[in-house]
């Protein structure tokens, strides 16, 4: 365990760039490995989760070179992967294990996937059940709901699947399986989840079609290696956005952030609370929209958050709850039950930590009711091994009346290894 203590800040100022988008980095490695020829990836996030994906494909015979700035992937085509000689360890990465399960279900070899103690507790049936409808043979603990997973590659058939939840991981796993399945694979969702897979499949030349409410993938078309520039991760930027909003006297410019509309729910929510966030120099990189974000301290107000905006901000809710704790009045978060099955139960974790800092929080089945306070109290917070809980409480410490110590910050390395140095740089 590695504790860290944050002192109250007088302001959050300067100009920063956050690491590359984690979701896009995962998909760059996956599709680059499945494409014919060379793929180069600039700006890839080198957090532990993405390294887990990289090591998984290296274990299946993909050669890569990394000079610290550019990752080069020597793709072998859709049928070029080799059976790994050992169990593949996905670490803490739910994206790694869920997405490559869809891919491996269609290979002509056997694979076993596992992960750390937290990943082995996370539910897998939401991916395994639709894959079984395609003909996949996958076995796991707890009746197939928990890793380790044993995958016996099979010939798959395309299906039409109406996902009961908006989940980019479920959708992407089925899309990867659909690259191999006979016929076409159609996935619909109750609301649109992040569409990085659709954009990247298209960018690599896959036969993919998006339509209102879903996506259609047809097999039979080879992918071609591409050059990719990964934009800054809006989930990482969100911690600094909230920091600048809640600490008086702040003005912060965050350069080159991905502003894919399926991911900008956090901007809509914070703007609805009265946050001052300007999008400057809008542009496009490798099929993804990008902008610079200028954030100024603001007097936030409590609002009701629910419905279609929730899937577009699902990873940012821990730090959104910090903004709510610093806002005037009551914030109601609903329709966010997905937070209970992340790296930890993020509703319970944030409710407990915010109570320690003097905030009145009521947990609900699918969200929280938070009554904002004028100033947070110092406290000893618990990350529960979850990187987003740890970073959210460190941000809270900037706006507290006393110090906030987070008991374990080692988990931050899974998604944002440079977070603490960057926080120290801008907090004054």
Protein backbone atom coordinates (compact mmCIF):
# COMPACT_ATOMS: atom_id res chain seq x y z
CA UNK A 1 0.00 0.00 0.00
CA UNK A 2 1.23 3.46 -0.90
CA UNK A 3 -0.57 6.30 0.92
CA UNK A 4 -0.50 9.88 -0.30
CA UNK A 5 -1.57 13.10 1.43
CA UNK A 6 -2.99 16.15 -0.37
CA UNK A 7 -2.81 19.66 1.06
CA UNK A 8 -5.57 22.23 0.42
CA UNK A 9 -4.78 24.35 -2.66
CA UNK A 10 -5.06 28.08 -3.27
CA UNK A 11 -5.61 27.50 -6.97
CA UNK A 12 -5.20 25.08 -9.88
CA UNK A 13 -3.35 26.85 -12.67
CA UNK A 14 -1.29 26.31 -15.78
CA UNK A 15 -1.33 24.28 -18.98
CA UNK A 16 -1.17 20.48 -19.11
CA UNK A 17 -1.72 17.53 -21.40
CA UNK A 18 -3.17 14.30 -20.04
CA UNK A 19 -2.10 10.81 -21.20
CA UNK A 20 -3.68 9.13 -24.19
CA UNK A 21 -7.20 7.77 -24.08
CA UNK A 22 -7.22 4.35 -22.41
CA UNK A 23 -10.13 2.95 -24.46
CA UNK A 24 -8.60 4.03 -27.77
CA UNK A 25 -5.18 2.71 -26.71
CA UNK A 26 -6.66 -0.74 -26.00
CA UNK A 27 -8.40 -0.85 -29.36
CA UNK A 28 -5.33 0.39 -31.24
CA UNK A 29 -3.32 -2.56 -29.93
CA UNK A 30 -6.08 -5.07 -30.68
CA UNK A 31 -6.93 -3.97 -34.20
CA UNK A 32 -3.29 -3.24 -35.07
CA UNK A 33 -2.49 -6.84 -34.16
CA UNK A 34 -5.35 -8.17 -36.31
CA UNK A 35 -4.51 -5.98 -39.30
CA UNK A 36 -2.15 -6.88 -42.11
CA UNK A 37 1.06 -4.84 -42.12
CA UNK A 38 2.40 -2.26 -39.72
CA UNK A 39 0.42 -0.05 -37.36
CA UNK A 40 2.05 2.85 -35.51
CA UNK A 41 0.44 4.28 -32.38
CA UNK A 42 1.50 7.67 -31.05
CA UNK A 43 0.31 8.96 -27.69
CA UNK A 44 -0.66 5.53 -26.38
CA UNK A 45 -1.40 5.37 -22.67
CA UNK A 46 1.28 3.25 -21.04
CA UNK A 47 -0.74 2.44 -17.94
CA UNK A 48 -0.88 -1.06 -16.51
CA UNK A 49 -4.26 -1.84 -18.12
CA UNK A 50 -3.01 -1.11 -21.63
CA UNK A 51 0.24 -2.98 -20.97
CA UNK A 52 -1.91 -5.99 -20.06
CA UNK A 53 -3.51 -5.82 -23.51
CA UNK A 54 -0.13 -5.42 -25.18
CA UNK A 55 1.34 -8.41 -23.33
CA UNK A 56 -1.68 -10.52 -24.23
CA UNK A 57 -1.09 -10.02 -27.94
CA UNK A 58 2.65 -10.48 -27.58
CA UNK A 59 1.85 -13.83 -25.95
CA UNK A 60 -0.09 -14.71 -29.11
CA UNK A 61 2.87 -14.05 -31.39
CA UNK A 62 2.49 -10.34 -32.21
CA UNK A 63 5.82 -8.50 -32.49
CA UNK A 64 5.98 -4.92 -31.24
CA UNK A 65 8.58 -2.19 -30.73
CA UNK A 66 8.22 0.77 -28.39
CA UNK A 67 10.61 3.71 -28.25
CA UNK A 68 8.60 5.50 -25.56
CA UNK A 69 6.87 7.79 -28.03
CA UNK A 70 5.62 5.45 -30.77
CA UNK A 71 4.43 1.88 -30.48
CA UNK A 72 4.95 -0.14 -33.67
CA UNK A 73 2.80 -3.24 -34.13
CA UNK A 74 3.57 -5.86 -36.77
CA UNK A 75 0.09 -7.15 -37.49
CA UNK A 76 -0.48 -10.68 -38.76
CA UNK A 77 -4.00 -10.44 -40.13
CA UNK A 78 -7.25 -11.83 -38.76
CA UNK A 79 -5.98 -15.42 -38.73
CA UNK A 80 -2.41 -14.71 -37.67
CA UNK A 81 -2.63 -15.12 -33.90
CA UNK A 82 -0.93 -18.14 -32.32
CA UNK A 83 -1.99 -20.22 -29.32
CA UNK A 84 -0.33 -18.83 -26.18
CA UNK A 85 1.93 -21.21 -24.26
CA UNK A 86 0.66 -20.05 -20.87
CA UNK A 87 -2.31 -18.45 -19.14
CA UNK A 88 -2.85 -14.80 -20.19
CA UNK A 89 -2.94 -12.44 -17.21
CA UNK A 90 -5.22 -9.44 -17.86
CA UNK A 91 -4.21 -7.73 -14.63
CA UNK A 92 -6.89 -5.31 -13.44
CA UNK A 93 -8.26 -4.60 -16.91
CA UNK A 94 -11.91 -5.38 -17.55
CA UNK A 95 -11.55 -4.04 -21.08
CA UNK A 96 -8.74 -6.47 -21.83
CA UNK A 97 -10.48 -9.60 -20.58
CA UNK A 98 -13.94 -8.83 -21.94
CA UNK A 99 -12.92 -7.65 -25.40
CA UNK A 100 -10.37 -10.33 -26.17
CA UNK A 101 -12.79 -13.00 -24.95
CA UNK A 102 -14.91 -12.11 -27.99
CA UNK A 103 -11.87 -12.27 -30.23
CA UNK A 104 -10.49 -15.53 -28.80
CA UNK A 105 -13.86 -17.27 -29.02
CA UNK A 106 -13.38 -17.36 -32.81
CA UNK A 107 -9.76 -18.57 -32.95
CA UNK A 108 -8.69 -22.13 -33.74
CA UNK A 109 -6.91 -22.63 -30.42
CA UNK A 110 -7.35 -22.84 -26.64
CA UNK A 111 -6.80 -19.94 -24.24
CA UNK A 112 -7.11 -19.29 -20.51
CA UNK A 113 -7.61 -15.73 -19.23
CA UNK A 114 -7.22 -14.58 -15.65
CA UNK A 115 -6.59 -11.35 -13.75
CA UNK A 116 -5.83 -9.87 -10.36
CA UNK A 117 -7.98 -10.32 -7.25
CA UNK A 118 -10.29 -7.47 -8.27
CA UNK A 119 -10.78 -8.56 -11.87
CA UNK A 120 -11.56 -12.12 -10.79
CA UNK A 121 -14.55 -10.73 -8.84
CA UNK A 122 -16.05 -8.84 -11.78
CA UNK A 123 -19.05 -10.26 -13.73
CA UNK A 124 -18.36 -11.83 -17.12
CA UNK A 125 -21.75 -13.34 -18.02
CA UNK A 126 -22.86 -10.14 -19.75
CA UNK A 127 -20.25 -10.95 -22.41
CA UNK A 128 -20.27 -14.74 -22.24
CA UNK A 129 -24.02 -15.18 -22.68
CA UNK A 130 -24.31 -13.41 -26.07
CA UNK A 131 -21.07 -15.04 -27.23
CA UNK A 132 -22.55 -18.45 -26.41
CA UNK A 133 -25.48 -17.58 -28.69
CA UNK A 134 -22.88 -17.19 -31.46
CA UNK A 135 -21.58 -20.71 -30.71
CA UNK A 136 -18.70 -19.83 -28.38
CA UNK A 137 -17.36 -22.39 -25.91
CA UNK A 138 -16.24 -20.53 -22.78
CA UNK A 139 -16.07 -21.82 -19.22
CA UNK A 140 -15.48 -19.90 -16.00
CA UNK A 141 -15.92 -19.92 -12.25
CA UNK A 142 -19.26 -19.24 -10.56
CA UNK A 143 -21.25 -20.80 -13.38
CA UNK A 144 -19.31 -18.91 -16.03
CA UNK A 145 -19.61 -15.49 -14.39
CA UNK A 146 -16.06 -15.10 -13.05
CA UNK A 147 -12.49 -15.46 -14.31
CA UNK A 148 -10.38 -17.46 -14.89
CA UNK A 149 -12.01 -18.16 -18.24
CA UNK A 150 -11.17 -21.15 -20.42
CA UNK A 151 -11.91 -20.49 -24.10
CA UNK A 152 -12.05 -23.21 -26.73
CA UNK A 153 -12.05 -21.47 -30.10
CA UNK A 154 -15.00 -22.32 -32.37
CA UNK A 155 -16.56 -21.36 -35.66
CA UNK A 156 -19.11 -18.67 -34.82
CA UNK A 157 -22.37 -17.54 -36.36
CA UNK A 158 -23.51 -13.94 -36.54
CA UNK A 159 -26.49 -12.98 -34.38
CA UNK A 160 -28.74 -10.01 -33.67
CA UNK A 161 -28.36 -9.16 -30.00
CA UNK A 162 -30.30 -6.57 -28.02
CA UNK A 163 -28.04 -5.75 -25.09
CA UNK A 164 -30.04 -5.07 -21.90
CA UNK A 165 -27.39 -2.54 -20.82
CA UNK A 166 -25.46 0.15 -22.67
CA UNK A 167 -21.97 -1.32 -22.48
CA UNK A 168 -19.09 -0.58 -24.83
CA UNK A 169 -17.33 -3.69 -23.54
CA UNK A 170 -20.21 -6.01 -24.44
CA UNK A 171 -20.69 -4.33 -27.80
CA UNK A 172 -16.97 -4.40 -28.63
CA UNK A 173 -16.57 -8.07 -27.64
CA UNK A 174 -19.38 -9.02 -30.02
CA UNK A 175 -17.97 -6.78 -32.74
CA UNK A 176 -14.59 -8.51 -32.49
CA UNK A 177 -16.29 -11.91 -32.64
CA UNK A 178 -18.28 -10.59 -35.60
CA UNK A 179 -15.10 -10.07 -37.62
CA UNK A 180 -14.93 -13.89 -37.83
CA UNK A 181 -18.55 -15.03 -37.55
CA UNK A 182 -20.53 -16.33 -40.52
CA UNK A 183 -22.98 -13.70 -41.77
CA UNK A 184 -23.48 -10.46 -39.93
CA UNK A 185 -23.47 -9.54 -36.27
CA UNK A 186 -25.87 -6.83 -35.06
CA UNK A 187 -25.76 -5.28 -31.59
CA UNK A 188 -28.37 -2.82 -30.33
CA UNK A 189 -28.34 -0.93 -27.02
CA UNK A 190 -30.96 0.89 -24.93
CA UNK A 191 -28.78 4.01 -25.21
CA UNK A 192 -25.58 4.52 -27.18
CA UNK A 193 -22.39 3.57 -25.33
CA UNK A 194 -19.01 4.97 -26.35
CA UNK A 195 -18.36 4.37 -30.04
CA UNK A 196 -14.55 4.10 -30.18
CA UNK A 197 -14.81 0.56 -31.57
CA UNK A 198 -17.10 1.61 -34.41
CA UNK A 199 -14.79 4.46 -35.35
CA UNK A 200 -11.64 2.35 -35.19
CA UNK A 201 -13.13 -0.63 -37.02
CA UNK A 202 -14.05 1.77 -39.80
CA UNK A 203 -10.60 3.38 -39.72
CA UNK A 204 -8.92 -0.04 -40.17
CA UNK A 205 -11.23 -0.94 -43.07
CA UNK A 206 -13.68 -3.36 -41.42
CA UNK A 207 -17.15 -3.83 -42.89
CA UNK A 208 -19.03 -1.98 -40.14
CA UNK A 209 -22.19 0.09 -40.24
CA UNK A 210 -23.55 2.26 -37.44
CA UNK A 211 -27.27 3.00 -37.27
CA UNK A 212 -29.51 4.67 -34.66
CA UNK A 213 -29.37 2.42 -31.61
CA UNK A 214 -26.74 -0.03 -32.76
CA UNK A 215 -24.00 -1.35 -35.03
CA UNK A 216 -23.70 -4.03 -37.71
CA UNK A 217 -20.45 -5.95 -38.49
CA UNK A 218 -19.94 -8.27 -41.45
CA UNK A 219 -17.06 -10.73 -41.65
CA UNK A 220 -14.81 -11.45 -44.61
CA UNK A 221 -12.90 -8.20 -44.98
CA UNK A 222 -9.24 -8.01 -43.94
CA UNK A 223 -7.99 -5.05 -41.90
CA UNK A 224 -5.10 -2.85 -42.96
CA UNK A 225 -2.40 -1.40 -40.71
CA UNK A 226 -2.78 2.32 -40.00
CA UNK A 227 -1.11 5.29 -38.31
CA UNK A 228 -2.91 6.30 -35.13
CA UNK A 229 -2.57 9.34 -32.89
CA UNK A 230 -4.35 8.80 -29.59
CA UNK A 231 -6.03 11.92 -28.12
CA UNK A 232 -5.86 12.78 -24.43
CA UNK A 233 -8.25 10.75 -22.26
CA UNK A 234 -11.29 12.76 -21.18
CA UNK A 235 -11.66 10.41 -18.19
CA UNK A 236 -8.20 11.49 -17.04
CA UNK A 237 -8.89 15.12 -17.86
CA UNK A 238 -12.07 14.97 -15.75
CA UNK A 239 -10.06 14.91 -12.51
CA UNK A 240 -8.31 18.15 -13.43
CA UNK A 241 -11.51 19.72 -14.76
CA UNK A 242 -13.23 19.16 -11.42
CA UNK A 243 -10.13 20.29 -9.51
CA UNK A 244 -10.11 23.61 -11.40
CA UNK A 245 -13.86 24.07 -10.94
CA UNK A 246 -13.97 23.50 -7.18
CA UNK A 247 -10.80 25.35 -6.08
CA UNK A 248 -11.35 29.14 -6.10
CA UNK A 249 -8.94 31.22 -8.16
CA UNK A 250 -8.26 28.47 -10.71
CA UNK A 251 -7.73 28.63 -14.46
CA UNK A 252 -6.41 25.57 -16.28
CA UNK A 253 -5.86 24.75 -19.97
CA UNK A 254 -5.90 21.03 -20.84
CA UNK A 255 -4.51 20.41 -24.33
CA UNK A 256 -5.56 17.85 -26.91
CA UNK A 257 -8.42 16.07 -25.14
CA UNK A 258 -10.68 13.64 -26.98
CA UNK A 259 -14.21 15.03 -27.13
CA UNK A 260 -16.02 12.13 -28.75
CA UNK A 261 -19.72 12.93 -28.14
CA UNK A 262 -20.30 9.47 -26.65
CA UNK A 263 -17.76 10.39 -23.94
CA UNK A 264 -18.54 14.04 -23.17
CA UNK A 265 -21.33 13.42 -20.69
CA UNK A 266 -19.03 14.70 -17.94
CA UNK A 267 -18.73 18.05 -19.72
CA UNK A 268 -22.50 18.29 -20.10
CA UNK A 269 -23.07 17.41 -16.44
CA UNK A 270 -20.50 19.87 -15.09
CA UNK A 271 -21.72 22.62 -17.41
CA UNK A 272 -25.25 21.93 -16.15
CA UNK A 273 -23.94 22.47 -12.62
CA UNK A 274 -22.65 25.88 -13.67
CA UNK A 275 -19.08 24.93 -14.51
CA UNK A 276 -17.08 27.18 -16.85
CA UNK A 277 -15.55 24.89 -19.51
CA UNK A 278 -14.65 26.21 -22.97
CA UNK A 279 -13.75 23.96 -25.92
CA UNK A 280 -11.05 25.58 -28.06
CA UNK A 281 -9.35 24.61 -31.35
CA UNK A 282 -11.66 21.73 -32.26
CA UNK A 283 -10.02 19.26 -34.67
CA UNK A 284 -9.87 15.54 -35.61
CA UNK A 285 -7.16 12.92 -35.02
CA UNK A 286 -7.37 9.39 -36.47
CA UNK A 287 -11.15 9.60 -36.76
CA UNK A 288 -11.68 11.04 -33.25
CA UNK A 289 -12.73 14.64 -32.39
CA UNK A 290 -10.27 16.59 -30.20
CA UNK A 291 -10.24 19.99 -28.48
CA UNK A 292 -8.37 22.04 -25.86
CA UNK A 293 -10.34 22.63 -22.65
CA UNK A 294 -10.14 25.91 -20.75
CA UNK A 295 -11.54 25.51 -17.23
CA UNK A 296 -12.14 28.27 -14.67
CA UNK A 297 -13.25 27.99 -11.04
CA UNK A 298 -17.02 28.19 -10.73
CA UNK A 299 -19.77 28.22 -8.14
CA UNK A 300 -21.44 24.90 -8.78
CA UNK A 301 -25.07 24.03 -8.06
CA UNK A 302 -26.65 20.66 -7.37
CA UNK A 303 -28.68 19.08 -10.18
CA UNK A 304 -30.44 15.83 -11.07
CA UNK A 305 -28.35 13.47 -13.22
CA UNK A 306 -29.86 10.47 -14.99
CA UNK A 307 -31.00 8.99 -18.27
CA UNK A 308 -29.05 8.98 -21.52
CA UNK A 309 -26.18 11.10 -20.18
CA UNK A 310 -25.15 8.40 -17.69
CA UNK A 311 -23.47 5.92 -20.12
CA UNK A 312 -21.61 8.89 -21.63
CA UNK A 313 -20.06 9.68 -18.24
CA UNK A 314 -20.01 6.34 -16.44
CA UNK A 315 -16.27 6.33 -15.63
CA UNK A 316 -16.33 9.92 -14.40
CA UNK A 317 -18.99 9.57 -11.71
CA UNK A 318 -16.54 9.20 -8.80
CA UNK A 319 -15.08 12.65 -9.50
CA UNK A 320 -18.51 14.05 -10.46
CA UNK A 321 -19.61 13.08 -6.96
CA UNK A 322 -16.74 15.20 -5.59
CA UNK A 323 -18.03 18.15 -7.63
CA UNK A 324 -21.50 17.48 -6.21
CA UNK A 325 -20.10 17.47 -2.67
CA UNK A 326 -18.67 20.95 -3.31
CA UNK A 327 -21.81 22.28 -5.00
CA UNK A 328 -24.57 24.38 -3.48
CA UNK A 329 -27.68 22.32 -2.78
CA UNK A 330 -28.56 18.71 -3.56
CA UNK A 331 -27.36 16.51 -6.42
CA UNK A 332 -29.31 13.35 -7.30
CA UNK A 333 -27.55 10.67 -9.35
CA UNK A 334 -29.71 7.86 -10.73
CA UNK A 335 -29.62 5.21 -13.49
CA UNK A 336 -25.96 4.51 -12.62
CA UNK A 337 -26.21 0.99 -11.21
CA UNK A 338 -23.32 0.00 -13.49
CA UNK A 339 -21.03 1.74 -10.97
CA UNK A 340 -21.61 -1.12 -8.53
CA UNK A 341 -19.79 -3.64 -10.77
CA UNK A 342 -16.68 -1.67 -11.67
CA UNK A 343 -13.23 -2.29 -10.10
CA UNK A 344 -15.10 -1.88 -6.82
CA UNK A 345 -18.62 -0.79 -5.89
CA UNK A 346 -18.01 2.86 -6.74
CA UNK A 347 -21.31 4.05 -5.30
CA UNK A 348 -20.54 2.53 -1.90
CA UNK A 349 -16.89 3.58 -2.01
CA UNK A 350 -17.52 7.24 -2.83
CA UNK A 351 -20.44 7.50 -0.42
CA UNK A 352 -18.26 6.19 2.40
CA UNK A 353 -15.35 8.51 1.58
CA UNK A 354 -17.50 11.61 1.17
CA UNK A 355 -19.16 10.91 4.53
CA UNK A 356 -15.69 10.83 6.09
CA UNK A 357 -15.12 14.32 4.67
CA UNK A 358 -18.31 15.68 6.26
CA UNK A 359 -20.80 15.26 3.41
CA UNK A 360 -24.32 13.88 3.82
CA UNK A 361 -24.73 11.11 1.24
CA UNK A 362 -27.62 8.69 0.76
CA UNK A 363 -26.95 5.59 -1.30
CA UNK A 364 -29.66 4.32 -3.63
CA UNK A 365 -29.75 1.13 -5.66
CA UNK A 366 -28.55 2.91 -8.79
CA UNK A 367 -26.96 6.12 -7.54
CA UNK A 368 -26.55 8.64 -4.73
CA UNK A 369 -28.15 11.71 -3.21
CA UNK A 370 -25.45 14.21 -2.20
CA UNK A 371 -25.97 17.38 -0.17
CA UNK A 372 -23.17 19.79 -0.94
CA UNK A 373 -21.12 21.49 1.78
CA UNK A 374 -19.31 24.80 1.86
CA UNK A 375 -15.98 23.10 2.59
CA UNK A 376 -14.94 19.46 2.78
CA UNK A 377 -13.24 18.19 5.94
CA UNK A 378 -9.87 16.53 5.96
CA UNK A 379 -10.02 12.76 6.37
CA UNK A 380 -8.34 9.41 5.84
CA UNK A 381 -9.90 8.05 2.65
CA UNK A 382 -9.85 4.50 1.30
CA UNK A 383 -9.29 3.76 -2.39
CA UNK A 384 -10.37 0.08 -2.11
CA UNK A 385 -7.81 -0.65 -4.83
CA UNK A 386 -9.75 1.44 -7.38
CA UNK A 387 -7.76 4.01 -9.36
CA UNK A 388 -10.73 6.34 -9.92
CA UNK A 389 -11.69 6.36 -6.25
CA UNK A 390 -8.10 7.18 -5.30
CA UNK A 391 -7.78 10.04 -7.79
CA UNK A 392 -11.21 11.45 -6.94
CA UNK A 393 -10.38 11.72 -3.25
CA UNK A 394 -7.02 13.32 -4.01
CA UNK A 395 -8.90 15.95 -6.03
CA UNK A 396 -11.27 16.39 -3.09
CA UNK A 397 -8.25 17.12 -0.92
CA UNK A 398 -7.47 20.25 -2.93
CA UNK A 399 -10.78 21.81 -1.82
CA UNK A 400 -10.79 20.56 1.79
CA UNK A 401 -10.22 22.53 4.99
CA UNK A 402 -7.59 20.02 6.07
CA UNK A 403 -5.45 17.31 4.54
CA UNK A 404 -6.95 14.23 2.88
CA UNK A 405 -4.82 11.09 2.91
CA UNK A 406 -5.68 8.24 0.53
CA UNK A 407 -4.53 4.94 1.99
CA UNK A 408 -3.44 3.23 -1.25
CA UNK A 409 -2.53 5.03 -4.46
CA UNK A 410 -0.59 2.26 -6.22
CA UNK A 411 -3.76 1.43 -8.17
CA UNK A 412 -3.54 4.79 -9.98
CA UNK A 413 -0.85 3.28 -12.22
CA UNK A 414 -3.49 1.17 -13.99
CA UNK A 415 -4.77 4.21 -15.90
CA UNK A 416 -2.80 7.37 -15.06
CA UNK A 417 0.79 6.76 -13.89
CA UNK A 418 1.70 10.47 -14.00
CA UNK A 419 -1.37 11.71 -12.11
CA UNK A 420 0.27 12.73 -8.84
CA UNK A 421 3.22 14.61 -10.43
CA UNK A 422 0.76 16.43 -12.69
CA UNK A 423 -1.46 17.30 -9.74
CA UNK A 424 1.56 18.65 -7.86
CA UNK A 425 2.47 20.73 -10.92
CA UNK A 426 -0.83 22.62 -11.19
CA UNK A 427 -1.94 22.85 -7.54
CA UNK A 428 -0.56 25.93 -5.85
